[in-house]
N, C-alpha and C. Protein backbone atom coordinates (compact mmCIF):
# COMPACT_ATOMS: atom_id res chain seq x y z
N MET A 1 -140.15 -125.25 34.45
CA MET A 1 -139.56 -123.94 34.69
C MET A 1 -140.68 -122.90 34.81
N THR A 2 -140.45 -121.94 35.67
CA THR A 2 -141.42 -120.88 35.92
C THR A 2 -140.79 -119.54 35.62
N ARG A 3 -141.52 -118.68 34.89
CA ARG A 3 -141.03 -117.33 34.57
C ARG A 3 -141.20 -116.45 35.80
N VAL A 4 -140.12 -115.75 36.18
CA VAL A 4 -140.14 -114.87 37.35
C VAL A 4 -139.62 -113.49 36.96
N TYR A 5 -140.09 -112.51 37.71
CA TYR A 5 -139.57 -111.14 37.65
C TYR A 5 -139.12 -110.79 39.05
N ILE A 6 -137.92 -110.24 39.18
CA ILE A 6 -137.36 -109.89 40.48
C ILE A 6 -136.84 -108.46 40.43
N ALA A 7 -137.22 -107.67 41.45
CA ALA A 7 -136.72 -106.30 41.57
C ALA A 7 -135.42 -106.33 42.38
N LEU A 8 -134.46 -105.52 41.95
CA LEU A 8 -133.18 -105.39 42.65
C LEU A 8 -133.02 -103.93 43.05
N GLY A 9 -132.64 -103.70 44.29
CA GLY A 9 -132.40 -102.34 44.75
C GLY A 9 -131.26 -102.30 45.74
N THR A 10 -130.52 -101.20 45.71
CA THR A 10 -129.41 -101.02 46.64
C THR A 10 -129.05 -99.54 46.72
N ASN A 11 -128.66 -99.09 47.91
CA ASN A 11 -128.10 -97.75 48.01
C ASN A 11 -126.82 -97.72 48.85
N MET A 12 -126.23 -98.88 49.02
CA MET A 12 -124.94 -98.99 49.69
C MET A 12 -124.06 -99.93 48.87
N ASN A 13 -122.85 -99.49 48.61
CA ASN A 13 -121.93 -100.35 47.87
C ASN A 13 -122.63 -100.87 46.61
N ARG A 14 -123.24 -99.96 45.88
CA ARG A 14 -124.22 -100.29 44.85
C ARG A 14 -123.72 -101.23 43.76
N LYS A 15 -122.59 -100.92 43.15
CA LYS A 15 -122.11 -101.77 42.06
C LYS A 15 -121.78 -103.18 42.55
N ALA A 16 -121.09 -103.28 43.68
CA ALA A 16 -120.75 -104.59 44.23
C ALA A 16 -122.00 -105.37 44.63
N SER A 17 -122.98 -104.68 45.19
CA SER A 17 -124.22 -105.34 45.60
C SER A 17 -124.98 -105.89 44.40
N LEU A 18 -125.10 -105.07 43.36
CA LEU A 18 -125.80 -105.54 42.15
C LEU A 18 -125.03 -106.66 41.47
N SER A 19 -123.71 -106.54 41.44
CA SER A 19 -122.88 -107.57 40.83
C SER A 19 -123.07 -108.91 41.55
N HIS A 20 -123.03 -108.86 42.87
CA HIS A 20 -123.24 -110.08 43.66
C HIS A 20 -124.62 -110.66 43.40
N ALA A 21 -125.62 -109.81 43.37
CA ALA A 21 -127.00 -110.27 43.17
C ALA A 21 -127.18 -110.96 41.82
N VAL A 22 -126.72 -110.34 40.74
CA VAL A 22 -126.96 -110.94 39.43
C VAL A 22 -126.16 -112.23 39.25
N ARG A 23 -124.96 -112.29 39.83
CA ARG A 23 -124.19 -113.54 39.73
C ARG A 23 -124.89 -114.66 40.49
N ARG A 24 -125.32 -114.37 41.72
CA ARG A 24 -125.97 -115.41 42.54
C ARG A 24 -127.33 -115.80 41.96
N LEU A 25 -128.11 -114.82 41.52
CA LEU A 25 -129.41 -115.15 40.92
C LEU A 25 -129.22 -115.96 39.64
N GLY A 26 -128.12 -115.72 38.95
CA GLY A 26 -127.83 -116.49 37.74
C GLY A 26 -127.64 -117.97 38.01
N GLU A 27 -127.41 -118.34 39.26
CA GLU A 27 -127.29 -119.75 39.62
C GLU A 27 -128.64 -120.47 39.58
N VAL A 28 -129.72 -119.72 39.74
CA VAL A 28 -131.05 -120.34 39.82
C VAL A 28 -132.03 -119.80 38.79
N ILE A 29 -131.62 -118.81 38.02
CA ILE A 29 -132.50 -118.22 37.00
C ILE A 29 -131.81 -118.35 35.65
N MET A 30 -132.49 -119.03 34.74
CA MET A 30 -131.95 -119.26 33.41
C MET A 30 -132.53 -118.24 32.43
N ASP A 31 -131.82 -118.04 31.32
CA ASP A 31 -132.27 -117.12 30.27
C ASP A 31 -132.62 -115.75 30.86
N ALA A 32 -131.75 -115.25 31.73
CA ALA A 32 -132.01 -113.98 32.40
C ALA A 32 -131.95 -112.80 31.44
N ALA A 33 -132.84 -111.86 31.69
CA ALA A 33 -132.85 -110.57 30.99
C ALA A 33 -132.84 -109.49 32.07
N TYR A 34 -132.18 -108.39 31.79
CA TYR A 34 -132.03 -107.33 32.78
C TYR A 34 -132.45 -105.99 32.18
N SER A 35 -133.15 -105.20 32.99
CA SER A 35 -133.45 -103.83 32.60
C SER A 35 -132.20 -102.99 32.78
N ARG A 36 -132.30 -101.75 32.34
CA ARG A 36 -131.26 -100.79 32.70
C ARG A 36 -131.37 -100.54 34.20
N VAL A 37 -130.34 -99.95 34.76
CA VAL A 37 -130.33 -99.57 36.18
C VAL A 37 -130.76 -98.11 36.25
N TYR A 38 -131.67 -97.82 37.18
CA TYR A 38 -132.20 -96.46 37.34
C TYR A 38 -131.88 -95.92 38.73
N ARG A 39 -131.73 -94.61 38.82
CA ARG A 39 -131.53 -93.91 40.09
C ARG A 39 -132.89 -93.55 40.67
N SER A 40 -133.02 -93.64 42.01
CA SER A 40 -134.24 -93.18 42.68
C SER A 40 -133.89 -92.72 44.09
N GLN A 41 -134.74 -91.88 44.64
CA GLN A 41 -134.56 -91.36 45.98
C GLN A 41 -135.23 -92.28 47.00
N PRO A 42 -134.73 -92.33 48.25
CA PRO A 42 -135.41 -93.12 49.29
C PRO A 42 -136.86 -92.65 49.45
N ARG A 43 -137.73 -93.58 49.80
CA ARG A 43 -139.17 -93.29 49.94
C ARG A 43 -139.53 -92.94 51.38
N ASN A 44 -140.74 -92.43 51.53
CA ASN A 44 -141.37 -92.21 52.83
C ASN A 44 -140.55 -91.34 53.77
N ASN A 45 -139.94 -90.30 53.23
CA ASN A 45 -139.16 -89.35 54.03
C ASN A 45 -137.97 -89.98 54.76
N ALA A 46 -137.56 -91.15 54.33
CA ALA A 46 -136.39 -91.79 54.94
C ALA A 46 -135.13 -91.09 54.41
N ARG A 47 -134.11 -91.07 55.25
CA ARG A 47 -132.84 -90.49 54.84
C ARG A 47 -131.93 -91.58 54.31
N GLY A 48 -131.06 -91.18 53.41
CA GLY A 48 -130.07 -92.13 52.89
C GLY A 48 -129.69 -91.77 51.48
N PRO A 49 -128.64 -92.39 50.97
CA PRO A 49 -128.18 -92.13 49.60
C PRO A 49 -129.21 -92.61 48.58
N GLU A 50 -129.07 -92.13 47.34
CA GLU A 50 -129.99 -92.56 46.29
C GLU A 50 -129.80 -94.05 45.99
N PHE A 51 -130.87 -94.63 45.49
CA PHE A 51 -130.88 -96.05 45.16
C PHE A 51 -130.53 -96.28 43.71
N PHE A 52 -130.00 -97.45 43.44
CA PHE A 52 -129.92 -98.00 42.10
C PHE A 52 -130.95 -99.12 42.07
N ASN A 53 -131.86 -99.09 41.07
CA ASN A 53 -132.92 -100.09 40.96
C ASN A 53 -132.94 -100.67 39.56
N ALA A 54 -133.32 -101.95 39.49
CA ALA A 54 -133.46 -102.64 38.21
C ALA A 54 -134.45 -103.79 38.40
N VAL A 55 -134.81 -104.40 37.30
CA VAL A 55 -135.65 -105.60 37.32
C VAL A 55 -135.00 -106.62 36.41
N MET A 56 -135.04 -107.86 36.83
CA MET A 56 -134.58 -108.95 35.99
C MET A 56 -135.70 -109.96 35.81
N SER A 57 -135.65 -110.69 34.72
CA SER A 57 -136.61 -111.76 34.50
C SER A 57 -135.86 -112.99 34.01
N GLY A 58 -136.52 -114.12 34.13
CA GLY A 58 -135.94 -115.36 33.67
C GLY A 58 -136.76 -116.53 34.15
N ASP A 59 -136.26 -117.73 33.91
CA ASP A 59 -136.96 -118.96 34.26
C ASP A 59 -136.22 -119.68 35.38
N THR A 60 -136.98 -120.19 36.34
CA THR A 60 -136.37 -120.91 37.45
C THR A 60 -137.05 -122.26 37.65
N GLY A 61 -136.26 -123.21 38.13
CA GLY A 61 -136.78 -124.52 38.50
C GLY A 61 -137.12 -124.59 39.99
N LEU A 62 -136.80 -123.53 40.73
CA LEU A 62 -137.10 -123.51 42.16
C LEU A 62 -138.59 -123.31 42.40
N GLN A 63 -139.06 -123.91 43.47
CA GLN A 63 -140.41 -123.64 43.94
C GLN A 63 -140.43 -122.23 44.54
N LEU A 64 -141.60 -121.64 44.67
CA LEU A 64 -141.72 -120.27 45.14
C LEU A 64 -141.00 -120.04 46.47
N MET A 65 -141.26 -120.86 47.46
CA MET A 65 -140.65 -120.64 48.77
C MET A 65 -139.14 -120.88 48.74
N GLU A 66 -138.69 -121.78 47.88
CA GLU A 66 -137.25 -121.98 47.72
C GLU A 66 -136.61 -120.72 47.12
N LEU A 67 -137.29 -120.11 46.15
CA LEU A 67 -136.77 -118.89 45.55
C LEU A 67 -136.77 -117.75 46.57
N ARG A 68 -137.82 -117.63 47.36
CA ARG A 68 -137.86 -116.59 48.40
C ARG A 68 -136.71 -116.78 49.39
N ASP A 69 -136.51 -118.02 49.84
CA ASP A 69 -135.42 -118.29 50.78
C ASP A 69 -134.06 -117.98 50.15
N PHE A 70 -133.92 -118.29 48.87
CA PHE A 70 -132.67 -118.03 48.16
C PHE A 70 -132.40 -116.52 48.10
N THR A 71 -133.43 -115.73 47.74
CA THR A 71 -133.22 -114.27 47.64
C THR A 71 -132.89 -113.68 49.01
N LYS A 72 -133.51 -114.18 50.07
CA LYS A 72 -133.21 -113.68 51.42
C LYS A 72 -131.78 -114.04 51.81
N ALA A 73 -131.32 -115.22 51.42
CA ALA A 73 -129.94 -115.63 51.71
C ALA A 73 -128.94 -114.74 50.97
N VAL A 74 -129.25 -114.40 49.72
CA VAL A 74 -128.36 -113.52 48.95
C VAL A 74 -128.30 -112.14 49.59
N GLU A 75 -129.44 -111.62 50.04
CA GLU A 75 -129.45 -110.34 50.76
C GLU A 75 -128.56 -110.41 52.01
N ALA A 76 -128.70 -111.49 52.76
CA ALA A 76 -127.93 -111.66 53.99
C ALA A 76 -126.43 -111.74 53.70
N GLU A 77 -126.04 -112.39 52.60
CA GLU A 77 -124.63 -112.48 52.23
C GLU A 77 -124.00 -111.10 52.07
N MET A 78 -124.79 -110.15 51.65
CA MET A 78 -124.28 -108.79 51.45
C MET A 78 -124.46 -107.92 52.69
N GLY A 79 -125.02 -108.48 53.76
CA GLY A 79 -125.13 -107.74 55.01
C GLY A 79 -126.41 -106.95 55.16
N ARG A 80 -127.48 -107.39 54.53
CA ARG A 80 -128.77 -106.67 54.60
C ARG A 80 -129.21 -106.48 56.04
N GLN A 81 -129.53 -105.25 56.37
CA GLN A 81 -130.11 -104.90 57.66
C GLN A 81 -131.05 -103.73 57.46
N ASP A 82 -132.03 -103.58 58.35
CA ASP A 82 -132.86 -102.40 58.36
C ASP A 82 -132.32 -101.48 59.43
N TRP A 83 -132.18 -100.21 59.12
CA TRP A 83 -131.52 -99.26 60.00
C TRP A 83 -132.54 -98.29 60.58
N ILE A 84 -132.61 -98.25 61.89
CA ILE A 84 -133.48 -97.31 62.59
C ILE A 84 -132.64 -96.64 63.67
N ALA A 85 -132.65 -95.30 63.68
CA ALA A 85 -131.88 -94.54 64.67
C ALA A 85 -132.52 -94.69 66.04
N PRO A 86 -131.76 -94.46 67.12
CA PRO A 86 -132.33 -94.51 68.47
C PRO A 86 -133.55 -93.61 68.63
N SER A 87 -133.60 -92.52 67.86
CA SER A 87 -134.74 -91.60 67.93
C SER A 87 -135.97 -92.17 67.25
N GLY A 88 -135.81 -93.28 66.55
CA GLY A 88 -136.93 -93.90 65.83
C GLY A 88 -136.97 -93.49 64.37
N GLU A 89 -136.09 -92.57 63.95
CA GLU A 89 -136.05 -92.14 62.56
C GLU A 89 -135.55 -93.29 61.69
N THR A 90 -136.21 -93.48 60.58
CA THR A 90 -135.83 -94.55 59.66
C THR A 90 -134.77 -94.04 58.70
N PHE A 91 -133.74 -94.83 58.53
CA PHE A 91 -132.73 -94.55 57.52
C PHE A 91 -132.90 -95.60 56.44
N SER A 92 -133.00 -95.15 55.22
CA SER A 92 -133.20 -96.07 54.12
C SER A 92 -131.83 -96.51 53.61
N LEU A 93 -131.23 -97.44 54.30
CA LEU A 93 -129.95 -97.99 53.90
C LEU A 93 -130.17 -99.46 53.54
N ARG A 94 -130.00 -99.76 52.29
CA ARG A 94 -130.20 -101.13 51.83
C ARG A 94 -128.98 -101.55 51.04
N CYS A 95 -128.25 -102.48 51.60
CA CYS A 95 -127.13 -103.01 50.85
C CYS A 95 -127.68 -103.77 49.64
N LEU A 96 -128.74 -104.52 49.88
CA LEU A 96 -129.34 -105.27 48.79
C LEU A 96 -130.77 -105.62 49.16
N ASP A 97 -131.67 -105.33 48.25
CA ASP A 97 -133.08 -105.65 48.42
C ASP A 97 -133.52 -106.40 47.18
N LEU A 98 -133.95 -107.64 47.34
CA LEU A 98 -134.42 -108.47 46.24
C LEU A 98 -135.87 -108.83 46.51
N ASP A 99 -136.77 -108.42 45.62
CA ASP A 99 -138.18 -108.71 45.80
C ASP A 99 -138.72 -109.48 44.61
N ILE A 100 -139.34 -110.61 44.89
CA ILE A 100 -139.99 -111.38 43.83
C ILE A 100 -141.25 -110.62 43.46
N LEU A 101 -141.32 -110.16 42.22
CA LEU A 101 -142.47 -109.39 41.75
C LEU A 101 -143.56 -110.31 41.24
N THR A 102 -143.17 -111.31 40.47
CA THR A 102 -144.11 -112.33 39.97
C THR A 102 -143.41 -113.68 39.96
N TYR A 103 -144.22 -114.70 40.10
CA TYR A 103 -143.76 -116.09 39.99
C TYR A 103 -144.80 -116.79 39.12
N GLY A 104 -144.52 -116.83 37.80
CA GLY A 104 -145.50 -117.37 36.87
C GLY A 104 -146.80 -116.59 36.99
N ASP A 105 -147.90 -117.32 37.02
CA ASP A 105 -149.22 -116.70 37.17
C ASP A 105 -149.72 -116.76 38.60
N THR A 106 -148.83 -117.05 39.55
CA THR A 106 -149.23 -117.21 40.95
C THR A 106 -149.79 -115.91 41.52
N VAL A 107 -150.90 -116.04 42.23
CA VAL A 107 -151.49 -114.94 42.99
C VAL A 107 -151.57 -115.43 44.43
N SER A 108 -150.93 -114.69 45.37
CA SER A 108 -150.94 -115.12 46.76
C SER A 108 -150.77 -113.94 47.70
N ARG A 109 -151.09 -114.17 48.97
CA ARG A 109 -150.93 -113.13 50.00
C ARG A 109 -149.57 -113.22 50.68
N ASP A 110 -149.06 -114.44 50.90
CA ASP A 110 -147.80 -114.62 51.59
C ASP A 110 -146.97 -115.68 50.88
N PRO A 111 -146.02 -115.27 50.08
CA PRO A 111 -145.63 -113.89 49.81
C PRO A 111 -146.63 -113.21 48.87
N GLU A 112 -146.66 -111.88 48.95
CA GLU A 112 -147.56 -111.09 48.12
C GLU A 112 -147.16 -111.21 46.66
N LEU A 113 -148.04 -111.80 45.86
CA LEU A 113 -147.80 -111.95 44.42
C LEU A 113 -149.10 -111.73 43.65
N PRO A 114 -149.08 -110.97 42.58
CA PRO A 114 -147.94 -110.16 42.18
C PRO A 114 -147.69 -109.08 43.23
N ARG A 115 -146.46 -108.70 43.38
CA ARG A 115 -146.09 -107.71 44.40
C ARG A 115 -146.65 -106.33 44.01
N SER A 116 -147.25 -105.66 44.97
CA SER A 116 -147.90 -104.38 44.70
C SER A 116 -146.91 -103.30 44.24
N ASP A 117 -145.62 -103.50 44.49
CA ASP A 117 -144.61 -102.55 44.01
C ASP A 117 -144.72 -102.35 42.50
N LEU A 118 -145.22 -103.38 41.80
CA LEU A 118 -145.34 -103.32 40.34
C LEU A 118 -146.29 -102.23 39.88
N ILE A 119 -147.24 -101.83 40.69
CA ILE A 119 -148.15 -100.76 40.28
C ILE A 119 -147.98 -99.50 41.12
N LYS A 120 -147.07 -99.54 42.10
CA LYS A 120 -146.86 -98.39 42.99
C LYS A 120 -145.67 -97.53 42.63
N TYR A 121 -144.56 -98.14 42.32
CA TYR A 121 -143.29 -97.42 42.29
C TYR A 121 -142.71 -97.31 40.89
N PRO A 122 -142.45 -96.08 40.45
CA PRO A 122 -141.87 -95.88 39.11
C PRO A 122 -140.58 -96.65 38.89
N PHE A 123 -139.75 -96.79 39.95
CA PHE A 123 -138.47 -97.48 39.80
C PHE A 123 -138.63 -98.99 39.65
N VAL A 124 -139.86 -99.50 39.77
CA VAL A 124 -140.15 -100.90 39.47
C VAL A 124 -140.94 -100.98 38.16
N ILE A 125 -141.89 -100.08 37.98
CA ILE A 125 -142.74 -100.08 36.79
C ILE A 125 -141.91 -99.93 35.52
N ARG A 126 -141.09 -98.90 35.47
CA ARG A 126 -140.35 -98.63 34.23
C ARG A 126 -139.42 -99.76 33.83
N PRO A 127 -138.61 -100.29 34.77
CA PRO A 127 -137.74 -101.40 34.35
C PRO A 127 -138.54 -102.66 33.94
N ALA A 128 -139.65 -102.92 34.61
CA ALA A 128 -140.46 -104.09 34.24
C ALA A 128 -141.02 -103.94 32.83
N LEU A 129 -141.51 -102.74 32.52
CA LEU A 129 -142.04 -102.50 31.18
C LEU A 129 -140.94 -102.47 30.12
N GLU A 130 -139.75 -102.08 30.53
CA GLU A 130 -138.61 -102.11 29.61
C GLU A 130 -138.33 -103.56 29.19
N LEU A 131 -138.41 -104.47 30.15
CA LEU A 131 -138.19 -105.89 29.85
C LEU A 131 -139.32 -106.49 29.03
N ASN A 132 -140.53 -106.05 29.32
CA ASN A 132 -141.68 -106.63 28.65
C ASN A 132 -142.81 -105.59 28.54
N PRO A 133 -142.87 -104.87 27.41
CA PRO A 133 -143.93 -103.86 27.24
C PRO A 133 -145.33 -104.45 27.30
N ASP A 134 -145.45 -105.75 27.05
CA ASP A 134 -146.75 -106.43 27.10
C ASP A 134 -146.92 -107.24 28.38
N PHE A 135 -146.32 -106.76 29.45
CA PHE A 135 -146.36 -107.43 30.74
C PHE A 135 -147.81 -107.56 31.22
N MET A 136 -148.28 -108.79 31.39
CA MET A 136 -149.63 -109.08 31.88
C MET A 136 -149.57 -109.31 33.38
N MET A 137 -150.38 -108.59 34.13
CA MET A 137 -150.41 -108.74 35.58
C MET A 137 -151.16 -110.00 35.97
N PRO A 138 -150.51 -110.94 36.64
CA PRO A 138 -151.19 -112.15 37.09
C PRO A 138 -152.40 -111.80 37.97
N GLY A 139 -153.52 -112.47 37.70
CA GLY A 139 -154.72 -112.27 38.50
C GLY A 139 -155.51 -111.03 38.15
N LYS A 140 -154.99 -110.18 37.27
CA LYS A 140 -155.68 -108.93 36.93
C LYS A 140 -156.29 -108.97 35.53
N GLY A 141 -155.75 -109.83 34.68
CA GLY A 141 -156.26 -109.88 33.30
C GLY A 141 -156.05 -108.59 32.55
N ALA A 142 -155.00 -107.84 32.92
CA ALA A 142 -154.74 -106.55 32.28
C ALA A 142 -153.24 -106.37 32.11
N TYR A 143 -152.89 -105.54 31.13
CA TYR A 143 -151.49 -105.19 30.94
C TYR A 143 -151.05 -104.23 32.03
N LEU A 144 -149.81 -104.37 32.47
CA LEU A 144 -149.26 -103.48 33.48
C LEU A 144 -149.35 -102.03 33.02
N ARG A 145 -149.05 -101.77 31.76
CA ARG A 145 -149.06 -100.39 31.24
C ARG A 145 -150.43 -99.74 31.37
N ASP A 146 -151.51 -100.56 31.40
CA ASP A 146 -152.87 -100.02 31.52
C ASP A 146 -153.28 -99.80 32.97
N LEU A 147 -152.48 -100.29 33.92
CA LEU A 147 -152.82 -100.19 35.34
C LEU A 147 -152.06 -99.08 36.06
N VAL A 148 -151.12 -98.45 35.36
CA VAL A 148 -150.24 -97.47 36.01
C VAL A 148 -150.20 -96.16 35.25
N SER A 149 -149.74 -95.13 35.93
CA SER A 149 -149.49 -93.85 35.29
C SER A 149 -148.04 -93.82 34.84
N LEU A 150 -147.83 -93.79 33.56
CA LEU A 150 -146.46 -93.80 33.04
C LEU A 150 -145.78 -92.44 33.20
N GLU A 151 -146.55 -91.40 33.46
CA GLU A 151 -145.95 -90.07 33.68
C GLU A 151 -144.94 -90.11 34.82
N ASP A 152 -145.26 -90.86 35.86
CA ASP A 152 -144.38 -90.92 37.03
C ASP A 152 -143.04 -91.55 36.73
N THR A 153 -142.94 -92.30 35.65
CA THR A 153 -141.68 -92.98 35.33
C THR A 153 -140.76 -92.12 34.48
N GLU A 154 -141.26 -91.00 33.97
CA GLU A 154 -140.47 -90.19 33.03
C GLU A 154 -139.28 -89.49 33.69
N ASN A 155 -139.34 -89.28 34.99
CA ASN A 155 -138.26 -88.57 35.67
C ASN A 155 -137.13 -89.48 36.13
N LEU A 156 -137.25 -90.76 35.91
CA LEU A 156 -136.18 -91.67 36.29
C LEU A 156 -135.01 -91.54 35.33
N ALA A 157 -133.82 -91.51 35.89
CA ALA A 157 -132.62 -91.43 35.06
C ALA A 157 -131.88 -92.76 35.11
N ALA A 158 -131.53 -93.25 33.93
CA ALA A 158 -130.73 -94.47 33.86
C ALA A 158 -129.31 -94.16 34.32
N VAL A 159 -128.68 -95.12 34.96
CA VAL A 159 -127.30 -94.99 35.39
C VAL A 159 -126.42 -95.34 34.19
N PRO A 160 -125.64 -94.37 33.72
CA PRO A 160 -124.80 -94.66 32.55
C PRO A 160 -123.68 -95.64 32.90
N ASP A 161 -123.31 -96.43 31.94
CA ASP A 161 -122.15 -97.32 32.07
C ASP A 161 -122.29 -98.35 33.19
N LEU A 162 -123.52 -98.76 33.49
CA LEU A 162 -123.72 -99.83 34.46
C LEU A 162 -124.63 -100.86 33.81
N ASP A 163 -124.04 -101.93 33.32
CA ASP A 163 -124.72 -102.96 32.55
C ASP A 163 -124.79 -104.24 33.37
N LEU A 164 -126.01 -104.67 33.72
CA LEU A 164 -126.15 -105.87 34.55
C LEU A 164 -125.69 -107.13 33.83
N PHE A 165 -125.83 -107.17 32.49
CA PHE A 165 -125.31 -108.32 31.75
C PHE A 165 -123.80 -108.44 31.97
N ALA A 166 -123.11 -107.31 31.92
CA ALA A 166 -121.65 -107.31 32.13
C ALA A 166 -121.32 -107.72 33.57
N LEU A 167 -122.10 -107.19 34.53
CA LEU A 167 -121.84 -107.56 35.93
C LEU A 167 -122.05 -109.05 36.15
N ALA A 168 -123.07 -109.61 35.51
CA ALA A 168 -123.36 -111.04 35.67
C ALA A 168 -122.20 -111.89 35.16
N GLY A 169 -121.47 -111.36 34.18
CA GLY A 169 -120.37 -112.12 33.60
C GLY A 169 -119.05 -111.97 34.30
N GLN A 170 -118.96 -111.05 35.28
CA GLN A 170 -117.70 -110.87 36.00
C GLN A 170 -117.40 -112.09 36.84
N ALA A 171 -116.13 -112.35 37.02
CA ALA A 171 -115.72 -113.46 37.89
C ALA A 171 -116.16 -113.17 39.32
N ALA A 172 -116.55 -114.20 40.01
CA ALA A 172 -116.98 -114.06 41.40
C ALA A 172 -115.90 -113.38 42.22
N GLY A 173 -116.32 -112.45 43.05
CA GLY A 173 -115.39 -111.78 43.92
C GLY A 173 -114.81 -110.49 43.36
N ASP A 174 -115.02 -110.21 42.07
CA ASP A 174 -114.48 -108.98 41.47
C ASP A 174 -115.13 -107.77 42.16
N GLY A 175 -114.39 -107.12 43.01
CA GLY A 175 -114.89 -105.90 43.65
C GLY A 175 -115.96 -106.14 44.71
N MET A 176 -116.19 -107.39 45.10
CA MET A 176 -117.25 -107.66 46.07
C MET A 176 -116.78 -107.30 47.48
N THR A 177 -117.56 -106.48 48.11
CA THR A 177 -117.36 -106.13 49.50
C THR A 177 -118.75 -106.04 50.11
N SER A 178 -118.99 -106.77 51.17
CA SER A 178 -120.32 -106.69 51.78
C SER A 178 -120.46 -105.35 52.46
N CYS A 179 -121.69 -104.98 52.74
CA CYS A 179 -121.95 -103.72 53.44
C CYS A 179 -121.43 -103.78 54.86
N ARG A 180 -121.37 -104.96 55.45
CA ARG A 180 -120.84 -105.09 56.82
C ARG A 180 -119.43 -104.54 56.88
N ALA A 181 -118.66 -104.79 55.83
CA ALA A 181 -117.26 -104.35 55.81
C ALA A 181 -117.15 -102.83 55.75
N ARG A 182 -118.21 -102.16 55.30
CA ARG A 182 -118.17 -100.70 55.14
C ARG A 182 -118.70 -99.98 56.36
N LEU A 183 -119.35 -100.68 57.29
CA LEU A 183 -119.97 -100.01 58.44
C LEU A 183 -119.10 -100.07 59.66
């Protein structure tokens, strides 16, 4: 078994998307732990609704590429697409975004591991540190908390009354609607 950390993000059909993700990931990740869910704004001047972001950790028997393929399939099940207007303007609409942040101690370029999001984005840093305050960055020989500015994470607001453990325990199909159905 290999310890993994996975980032979850969505700004469309958020509760259903997260519910679907944690249930499906629970099929391949054992002893899962979940951070709180946090609100964040779209990045890079993209337009779109606010995101719900979280991080989960656990152990998997899948090989790295099998896990990557699995996460991409789960995204596709919810209707993941990248949206660009005819004018070329980017819209940050993500029904579901699942990113493998770490896969054991693996360091690689394709896929990028550890994923640079771990030291770039407050909505990834804070939930990862919530799960493991002593999070060691693979290949860096340093604690995550020593590689980042924690000031940037202070403005994140947790989403009240949204518990990923509870979502993981819901029966399949409870409130699930793909983003395709909403567009």
